[in-house]
Amino acid sequence: QRELVATITNGGNTNYADSVKGRFTISRD
């Protein structure tokens, strides 16, 4: 199934799946 990897709010707050924490970084411009 499709799974969540990471999210970022309009204010820049981020959230990660446990499997990618410390390895992946989400950002926005």
PDB file of all heavy atoms in Angstrom:
ATOM      1  N   GLN A   1       0.833  -1.195   0.000  1.00  0.00           N
ATOM      2  CA  GLN A   1       0.000   0.000   0.000  1.00  0.00           C
ATOM      3  C   GLN A   1       0.869   1.247   0.000  1.00  0.00           C
ATOM      4  O   GLN A   1       2.017   1.233   0.450  1.00  0.00           O
ATOM      5  CB  GLN A   1      -0.897   0.000   1.247  1.00  0.00           C
ATOM      6  CG  GLN A   1      -2.009  -1.040   1.207  1.00  0.00           C
ATOM      7  CD  GLN A   1      -2.998  -0.882   2.348  1.00  0.00           C
ATOM      8  OE1 GLN A   1      -2.656  -0.390   3.417  1.00  0.00           O
ATOM      9  NE2 GLN A   1      -4.236  -1.278   2.119  1.00  0.00           N
ATOM     10  N   ARG A   2       0.282   2.329  -0.501  1.00  0.00           N
ATOM     11  CA  ARG A   2       0.977   3.612  -0.455  1.00  0.00           C
ATOM     12  C   ARG A   2       1.114   4.037   1.006  1.00  0.00           C
ATOM     13  O   ARG A   2       0.177   3.921   1.798  1.00  0.00           O
ATOM     14  CB  ARG A   2       0.193   4.661  -1.242  1.00  0.00           C
ATOM     15  CG  ARG A   2       0.930   5.946  -1.500  1.00  0.00           C
ATOM     16  CD  ARG A   2       0.173   6.861  -2.448  1.00  0.00           C
ATOM     17  NE  ARG A   2       0.009   6.246  -3.769  1.00  0.00           N
ATOM     18  CZ  ARG A   2      -0.456   6.889  -4.838  1.00  0.00           C
ATOM     19  NH1 ARG A   2      -0.809   8.164  -4.731  1.00  0.00           N
ATOM     20  NH2 ARG A   2      -0.579   6.272  -5.979  1.00  0.00           N
ATOM     21  N   GLU A   3       2.299   4.540   1.345  1.00  0.00           N
ATOM     22  CA  GLU A   3       2.550   4.922   2.724  1.00  0.00           C
ATOM     23  C   GLU A   3       3.125   6.329   2.801  1.00  0.00           C
ATOM     24  O   GLU A   3       3.831   6.792   1.894  1.00  0.00           O
ATOM     25  CB  GLU A   3       3.525   3.943   3.402  1.00  0.00           C
ATOM     26  CG  GLU A   3       4.905   3.893   2.797  1.00  0.00           C
ATOM     27  CD  GLU A   3       5.862   2.991   3.574  1.00  0.00           C
ATOM     28  OE1 GLU A   3       5.442   2.372   4.572  1.00  0.00           O
ATOM     29  OE2 GLU A   3       7.041   2.923   3.176  1.00  0.00           O
ATOM     30  N   LEU A   4       2.840   6.973   3.925  1.00  0.00           N
ATOM     31  CA  LEU A   4       3.357   8.312   4.157  1.00  0.00           C
ATOM     32  C   LEU A   4       4.844   8.261   4.447  1.00  0.00           C
ATOM     33  O   LEU A   4       5.303   7.425   5.232  1.00  0.00           O
ATOM     34  CB  LEU A   4       2.625   8.946   5.342  1.00  0.00           C
ATOM     35  CG  LEU A   4       3.110  10.309   5.803  1.00  0.00           C
ATOM     36  CD1 LEU A   4       2.815  11.358   4.755  1.00  0.00           C
ATOM     37  CD2 LEU A   4       2.467  10.684   7.130  1.00  0.00           C
ATOM     38  N   VAL A   5       5.591   9.162   3.835  1.00  0.00           N
ATOM     39  CA  VAL A   5       7.024   9.274   4.084  1.00  0.00           C
ATOM     40  C   VAL A   5       7.317  10.496   4.953  1.00  0.00           C
ATOM     41  O   VAL A   5       7.993  10.401   5.973  1.00  0.00           O
ATOM     42  CB  VAL A   5       7.810   9.374   2.767  1.00  0.00           C
ATOM     43  CG1 VAL A   5       9.292   9.616   3.036  1.00  0.00           C
ATOM     44  CG2 VAL A   5       7.612   8.128   1.921  1.00  0.00           C
ATOM     45  N   ALA A   6       6.804  11.646   4.531  1.00  0.00           N
ATOM     46  CA  ALA A   6       7.080  12.883   5.267  1.00  0.00           C
ATOM     47  C   ALA A   6       6.054  13.943   4.894  1.00  0.00           C
ATOM     48  O   ALA A   6       5.513  13.921   3.785  1.00  0.00           O
ATOM     49  CB  ALA A   6       8.483  13.402   4.952  1.00  0.00           C
ATOM     50  N   THR A   7       5.807  14.844   5.824  1.00  0.00           N
ATOM     51  CA  THR A   7       4.928  15.975   5.556  1.00  0.00           C
ATOM     52  C   THR A   7       5.570  17.261   6.055  1.00  0.00           C
ATOM     53  O   THR A   7       6.440  17.233   6.945  1.00  0.00           O
ATOM     54  CB  THR A   7       3.559  15.829   6.242  1.00  0.00           C
ATOM     55  OG1 THR A   7       3.753  15.729   7.658  1.00  0.00           O
ATOM     56  CG2 THR A   7       2.812  14.603   5.747  1.00  0.00           C
ATOM     57  N   ILE A   8       5.133  18.373   5.475  1.00  0.00           N
ATOM     58  CA  ILE A   8       5.588  19.690   5.922  1.00  0.00           C
ATOM     59  C   ILE A   8       4.408  20.643   5.874  1.00  0.00           C
ATOM     60  O   ILE A   8       3.688  20.702   4.875  1.00  0.00           O
ATOM     61  CB  ILE A   8       6.778  20.187   5.068  1.00  0.00           C
ATOM     62  CG1 ILE A   8       7.325  21.508   5.621  1.00  0.00           C
ATOM     63  CG2 ILE A   8       6.415  20.303   3.583  1.00  0.00           C
ATOM     64  CD1 ILE A   8       8.695  21.880   5.059  1.00  0.00           C
ATOM     65  N   THR A   9       4.180  21.352   6.981  1.00  0.00           N
ATOM     66  CA  THR A   9       3.053  22.279   7.034  1.00  0.00           C
ATOM     67  C   THR A   9       3.404  23.574   6.304  1.00  0.00           C
ATOM     68  O   THR A   9       4.547  23.799   5.903  1.00  0.00           O
ATOM     69  CB  THR A   9       2.684  22.605   8.473  1.00  0.00           C
ATOM     70  OG1 THR A   9       3.756  23.357   9.068  1.00  0.00           O
ATOM     71  CG2 THR A   9       2.437  21.337   9.279  1.00  0.00           C
ATOM     72  N   ASN A  10       2.399  24.452   6.179  1.00  0.00           N
ATOM     73  CA  ASN A  10       2.676  25.735   5.540  1.00  0.00           C
ATOM     74  C   ASN A  10       3.656  26.555   6.375  1.00  0.00           C
ATOM     75  O   ASN A  10       4.354  27.412   5.847  1.00  0.00           O
ATOM     76  CB  ASN A  10       1.380  26.505   5.290  1.00  0.00           C
ATOM     77  CG  ASN A  10       0.598  26.781   6.563  1.00  0.00           C
ATOM     78  OD1 ASN A  10       0.848  26.172   7.594  1.00  0.00           O
ATOM     79  ND2 ASN A  10      -0.373  27.672   6.479  1.00  0.00           N
ATOM     80  N   GLY A  11       3.727  26.248   7.667  1.00  0.00           N
ATOM     81  CA  GLY A  11       4.662  26.962   8.539  1.00  0.00           C
ATOM     82  C   GLY A  11       6.023  26.309   8.642  1.00  0.00           C
ATOM     83  O   GLY A  11       6.902  26.815   9.356  1.00  0.00           O
ATOM     84  N   GLY A  12       6.201  25.181   7.961  1.00  0.00           N
ATOM     85  CA  GLY A  12       7.505  24.540   7.949  1.00  0.00           C
ATOM     86  C   GLY A  12       7.695  23.435   8.970  1.00  0.00           C
ATOM     87  O   GLY A  12       8.794  22.886   9.086  1.00  0.00           O
ATOM     88  N   ASN A  13       6.652  23.093   9.711  1.00  0.00           N
ATOM     89  CA  ASN A  13       6.777  21.972  10.645  1.00  0.00           C
ATOM     90  C   ASN A  13       6.782  20.661   9.884  1.00  0.00           C
ATOM     91  O   ASN A  13       5.991  20.479   8.955  1.00  0.00           O
ATOM     92  CB  ASN A  13       5.625  21.985  11.652  1.00  0.00           C
ATOM     93  CG  ASN A  13       5.682  23.179  12.572  1.00  0.00           C
ATOM     94  OD1 ASN A  13       6.752  23.543  13.071  1.00  0.00           O
ATOM     95  ND2 ASN A  13       4.557  23.824  12.807  1.00  0.00           N
ATOM     96  N   THR A  14       7.651  19.753  10.280  1.00  0.00           N
ATOM     97  CA  THR A  14       7.825  18.511   9.548  1.00  0.00           C
ATOM     98  C   THR A  14       7.476  17.296  10.392  1.00  0.00           C
ATOM     99  O   THR A  14       7.513  17.330  11.625  1.00  0.00           O
ATOM    100  CB  THR A  14       9.273  18.378   9.052  1.00  0.00           C
ATOM    101  OG1 THR A  14      10.161  18.410  10.181  1.00  0.00           O
ATOM    102  CG2 THR A  14       9.624  19.498   8.097  1.00  0.00           C
ATOM    103  N   ASN A  15       7.161  16.212   9.678  1.00  0.00           N
ATOM    104  CA  ASN A  15       6.844  14.937  10.318  1.00  0.00           C
ATOM    105  C   ASN A  15       7.344  13.832   9.405  1.00  0.00           C
ATOM    106  O   ASN A  15       7.252  13.960   8.179  1.00  0.00           O
ATOM    107  CB  ASN A  15       5.338  14.805  10.528  1.00  0.00           C
ATOM    108  CG  ASN A  15       4.982  13.545  11.288  1.00  0.00           C
ATOM    109  OD1 ASN A  15       5.487  13.303  12.374  1.00  0.00           O
ATOM    110  ND2 ASN A  15       4.122  12.731  10.714  1.00  0.00           N
ATOM    111  N   TYR A  16       7.895  12.771  10.002  1.00  0.00           N
ATOM    112  CA  TYR A  16       8.496  11.688   9.215  1.00  0.00           C
ATOM    113  C   TYR A  16       8.014  10.323   9.670  1.00  0.00           C
ATOM    114  O   TYR A  16       7.749  10.113  10.862  1.00  0.00           O
ATOM    115  CB  TYR A  16      10.022  11.730   9.346  1.00  0.00           C
ATOM    116  CG  TYR A  16      10.646  12.987   8.823  1.00  0.00           C
ATOM    117  CD1 TYR A  16      10.902  14.065   9.664  1.00  0.00           C
ATOM    118  CD2 TYR A  16      10.990  13.108   7.477  1.00  0.00           C
ATOM    119  CE1 TYR A  16      11.466  15.233   9.182  1.00  0.00           C
ATOM    120  CE2 TYR A  16      11.567  14.271   6.985  1.00  0.00           C
ATOM    121  CZ  TYR A  16      11.790  15.325   7.840  1.00  0.00           C
ATOM    122  OH  TYR A  16      12.363  16.475   7.364  1.00  0.00           O
ATOM    123  N   ALA A  17       7.955   9.401   8.734  1.00  0.00           N
ATOM    124  CA  ALA A  17       7.748   8.008   9.086  1.00  0.00           C
ATOM    125  C   ALA A  17       8.974   7.527   9.857  1.00  0.00           C
ATOM    126  O   ALA A  17      10.097   7.968   9.596  1.00  0.00           O
ATOM    127  CB  ALA A  17       7.553   7.167   7.831  1.00  0.00           C
ATOM    128  N   ASP A  18       8.749   6.623  10.795  1.00  0.00           N
ATOM    129  CA  ASP A  18       9.861   6.132  11.599  1.00  0.00           C
ATOM    130  C   ASP A  18      10.957   5.522  10.731  1.00  0.00           C
ATOM    131  O   ASP A  18      12.143   5.620  11.062  1.00  0.00           O
ATOM    132  CB  ASP A  18       9.362   5.087  12.594  1.00  0.00           C
ATOM    133  CG  ASP A  18       8.545   5.694  13.727  1.00  0.00           C
ATOM    134  OD1 ASP A  18       8.630   6.921  13.931  1.00  0.00           O
ATOM    135  OD2 ASP A  18       7.816   4.941  14.398  1.00  0.00           O
ATOM    136  N   SER A  19      10.560   4.912   9.634  1.00  0.00           N
ATOM    137  CA  SER A  19      11.520   4.200   8.783  1.00  0.00           C
ATOM    138  C   SER A  19      12.513   5.133   8.081  1.00  0.00           C
ATOM    139  O   SER A  19      13.542   4.680   7.596  1.00  0.00           O
ATOM    140  CB  SER A  19      10.785   3.367   7.738  1.00  0.00           C
ATOM    141  OG  SER A  19       9.955   4.189   6.933  1.00  0.00           O
ATOM    142  N   VAL A  20      12.196   6.427   8.024  1.00  0.00           N
ATOM    143  CA  VAL A  20      13.076   7.359   7.302  1.00  0.00           C
ATOM    144  C   VAL A  20      13.653   8.452   8.201  1.00  0.00           C
ATOM    145  O   VAL A  20      14.473   9.249   7.740  1.00  0.00           O
ATOM    146  CB  VAL A  20      12.353   8.011   6.096  1.00  0.00           C
ATOM    147  CG1 VAL A  20      11.742   6.948   5.200  1.00  0.00           C
ATOM    148  CG2 VAL A  20      11.305   9.012   6.538  1.00  0.00           C
ATOM    149  N   LYS A  21      13.253   8.480   9.464  1.00  0.00           N
ATOM    150  CA  LYS A  21      13.760   9.513  10.370  1.00  0.00           C
ATOM    151  C   LYS A  21      15.277   9.473  10.450  1.00  0.00           C
ATOM    152  O   LYS A  21      15.871   8.417  10.573  1.00  0.00           O
ATOM    153  CB  LYS A  21      13.167   9.320  11.771  1.00  0.00           C
ATOM    154  CG  LYS A  21      11.760   9.857  11.924  1.00  0.00           C
ATOM    155  CD  LYS A  21      11.248   9.648  13.342  1.00  0.00           C
ATOM    156  CE  LYS A  21       9.814  10.148  13.487  1.00  0.00           C
ATOM    157  NZ  LYS A  21       9.266   9.883  14.837  1.00  0.00           N
ATOM    158  N   GLY A  22      15.869  10.649  10.374  1.00  0.00           N
ATOM    159  CA  GLY A  22      17.322  10.755  10.436  1.00  0.00           C
ATOM    160  C   GLY A  22      18.012  10.540   9.099  1.00  0.00           C
ATOM    161  O   GLY A  22      19.218  10.784   8.981  1.00  0.00           O
ATOM    162  N   ARG A  23      17.283  10.088   8.092  1.00  0.00           N
ATOM    163  CA  ARG A  23      17.870   9.858   6.767  1.00  0.00           C
ATOM    164  C   ARG A  23      17.276  10.779   5.701  1.00  0.00           C
ATOM    165  O   ARG A  23      17.964  11.189   4.771  1.00  0.00           O
ATOM    166  CB  ARG A  23      17.655   8.395   6.337  1.00  0.00           C
ATOM    167  CG  ARG A  23      18.280   7.387   7.260  1.00  0.00           C
ATOM    168  CD  ARG A  23      18.212   5.978   6.667  1.00  0.00           C
ATOM    169  NE  ARG A  23      16.838   5.522   6.467  1.00  0.00           N
ATOM    170  CZ  ARG A  23      16.354   5.135   5.281  1.00  0.00           C
ATOM    171  NH1 ARG A  23      17.116   5.163   4.212  1.00  0.00           N
ATOM    172  NH2 ARG A  23      15.098   4.706   5.180  1.00  0.00           N
ATOM    173  N   PHE A  24      15.992  11.073   5.830  1.00  0.00           N
ATOM    174  CA  PHE A  24      15.290  11.894   4.832  1.00  0.00           C
ATOM    175  C   PHE A  24      14.966  13.263   5.423  1.00  0.00           C
ATOM    176  O   PHE A  24      14.684  13.379   6.621  1.00  0.00           O
ATOM    177  CB  PHE A  24      13.977  11.242   4.412  1.00  0.00           C
ATOM    178  CG  PHE A  24      14.112   9.988   3.582  1.00  0.00           C
ATOM    179  CD1 PHE A  24      15.317   9.335   3.418  1.00  0.00           C
ATOM    180  CD2 PHE A  24      12.996   9.447   2.956  1.00  0.00           C
ATOM    181  CE1 PHE A  24      15.434   8.182   2.657  1.00  0.00           C
ATOM    182  CE2 PHE A  24      13.078   8.299   2.205  1.00  0.00           C
ATOM    183  CZ  PHE A  24      14.308   7.663   2.055  1.00  0.00           C
ATOM    184  N   THR A  25      14.952  14.274   4.563  1.00  0.00           N
ATOM    185  CA  THR A  25      14.588  15.623   4.978  1.00  0.00           C
ATOM    186  C   THR A  25      13.643  16.231   3.948  1.00  0.00           C
ATOM    187  O   THR A  25      13.971  16.286   2.758  1.00  0.00           O
ATOM    188  CB  THR A  25      15.823  16.522   5.115  1.00  0.00           C
ATOM    189  OG1 THR A  25      16.729  15.946   6.052  1.00  0.00           O
ATOM    190  CG2 THR A  25      15.424  17.909   5.595  1.00  0.00           C
ATOM    191  N   ILE A  26      12.481  16.672   4.417  1.00  0.00           N
ATOM    192  CA  ILE A  26      11.531  17.358   3.552  1.00  0.00           C
ATOM    193  C   ILE A  26      11.695  18.862   3.736  1.00  0.00           C
ATOM    194  O   ILE A  26      11.942  19.339   4.852  1.00  0.00           O
ATOM    195  CB  ILE A  26      10.080  16.910   3.848  1.00  0.00           C
ATOM    196  CG1 ILE A  26       9.116  17.486   2.809  1.00  0.00           C
ATOM    197  CG2 ILE A  26       9.670  17.279   5.267  1.00  0.00           C
ATOM    198  CD1 ILE A  26       7.699  16.909   2.923  1.00  0.00           C
ATOM    199  N   SER A  27      11.581  19.595   2.639  1.00  0.00           N
ATOM    200  CA  SER A  27      11.674  21.046   2.708  1.00  0.00           C
ATOM    201  C   SER A  27      10.798  21.649   1.612  1.00  0.00           C
ATOM    202  O   SER A  27      10.344  20.937   0.717  1.00  0.00           O
ATOM    203  CB  SER A  27      13.125  21.519   2.557  1.00  0.00           C
ATOM    204  OG  SER A  27      13.648  21.123   1.302  1.00  0.00           O
ATOM    205  N   ARG A  28      10.588  22.952   1.705  1.00  0.00           N
ATOM    206  CA  ARG A  28       9.754  23.614   0.709  1.00  0.00           C
ATOM    207  C   ARG A  28      10.287  25.016   0.428  1.00  0.00           C
ATOM    208  O   ARG A  28      10.912  25.632   1.285  1.00  0.00           O
ATOM    209  CB  ARG A  28       8.302  23.691   1.161  1.00  0.00           C
ATOM    210  CG  ARG A  28       8.039  24.535   2.379  1.00  0.00           C
ATOM    211  CD  ARG A  28       6.621  24.351   2.901  1.00  0.00           C
ATOM    212  NE  ARG A  28       5.614  24.823   1.940  1.00  0.00           N
ATOM    213  CZ  ARG A  28       4.327  24.478   2.000  1.00  0.00           C
ATOM    214  NH1 ARG A  28       3.903  23.642   2.937  1.00  0.00           N
ATOM    215  NH2 ARG A  28       3.479  24.965   1.122  1.00  0.00           N
ATOM    216  N   ASP A  29      10.010  25.480  -0.775  1.00  0.00           N
ATOM    217  CA  ASP A  29      10.340  26.840  -1.190  1.00  0.00           C
ATOM    218  C   ASP A  29       9.043  27.442  -1.721  1.00  0.00           C
ATOM    219  O   ASP A  29       8.640  27.158  -2.854  1.00  0.00           O
ATOM    220  CB  ASP A  29      11.427  26.818  -2.265  1.00  0.00           C
ATOM    221  CG  ASP A  29      11.899  28.215  -2.649  1.00  0.00           C
ATOM    222  OD1 ASP A  29      11.102  29.168  -2.571  1.00  0.00           O
ATOM    223  OD2 ASP A  29      13.058  28.342  -3.060  1.00  0.00           O
TER     224      ASP A  29
END
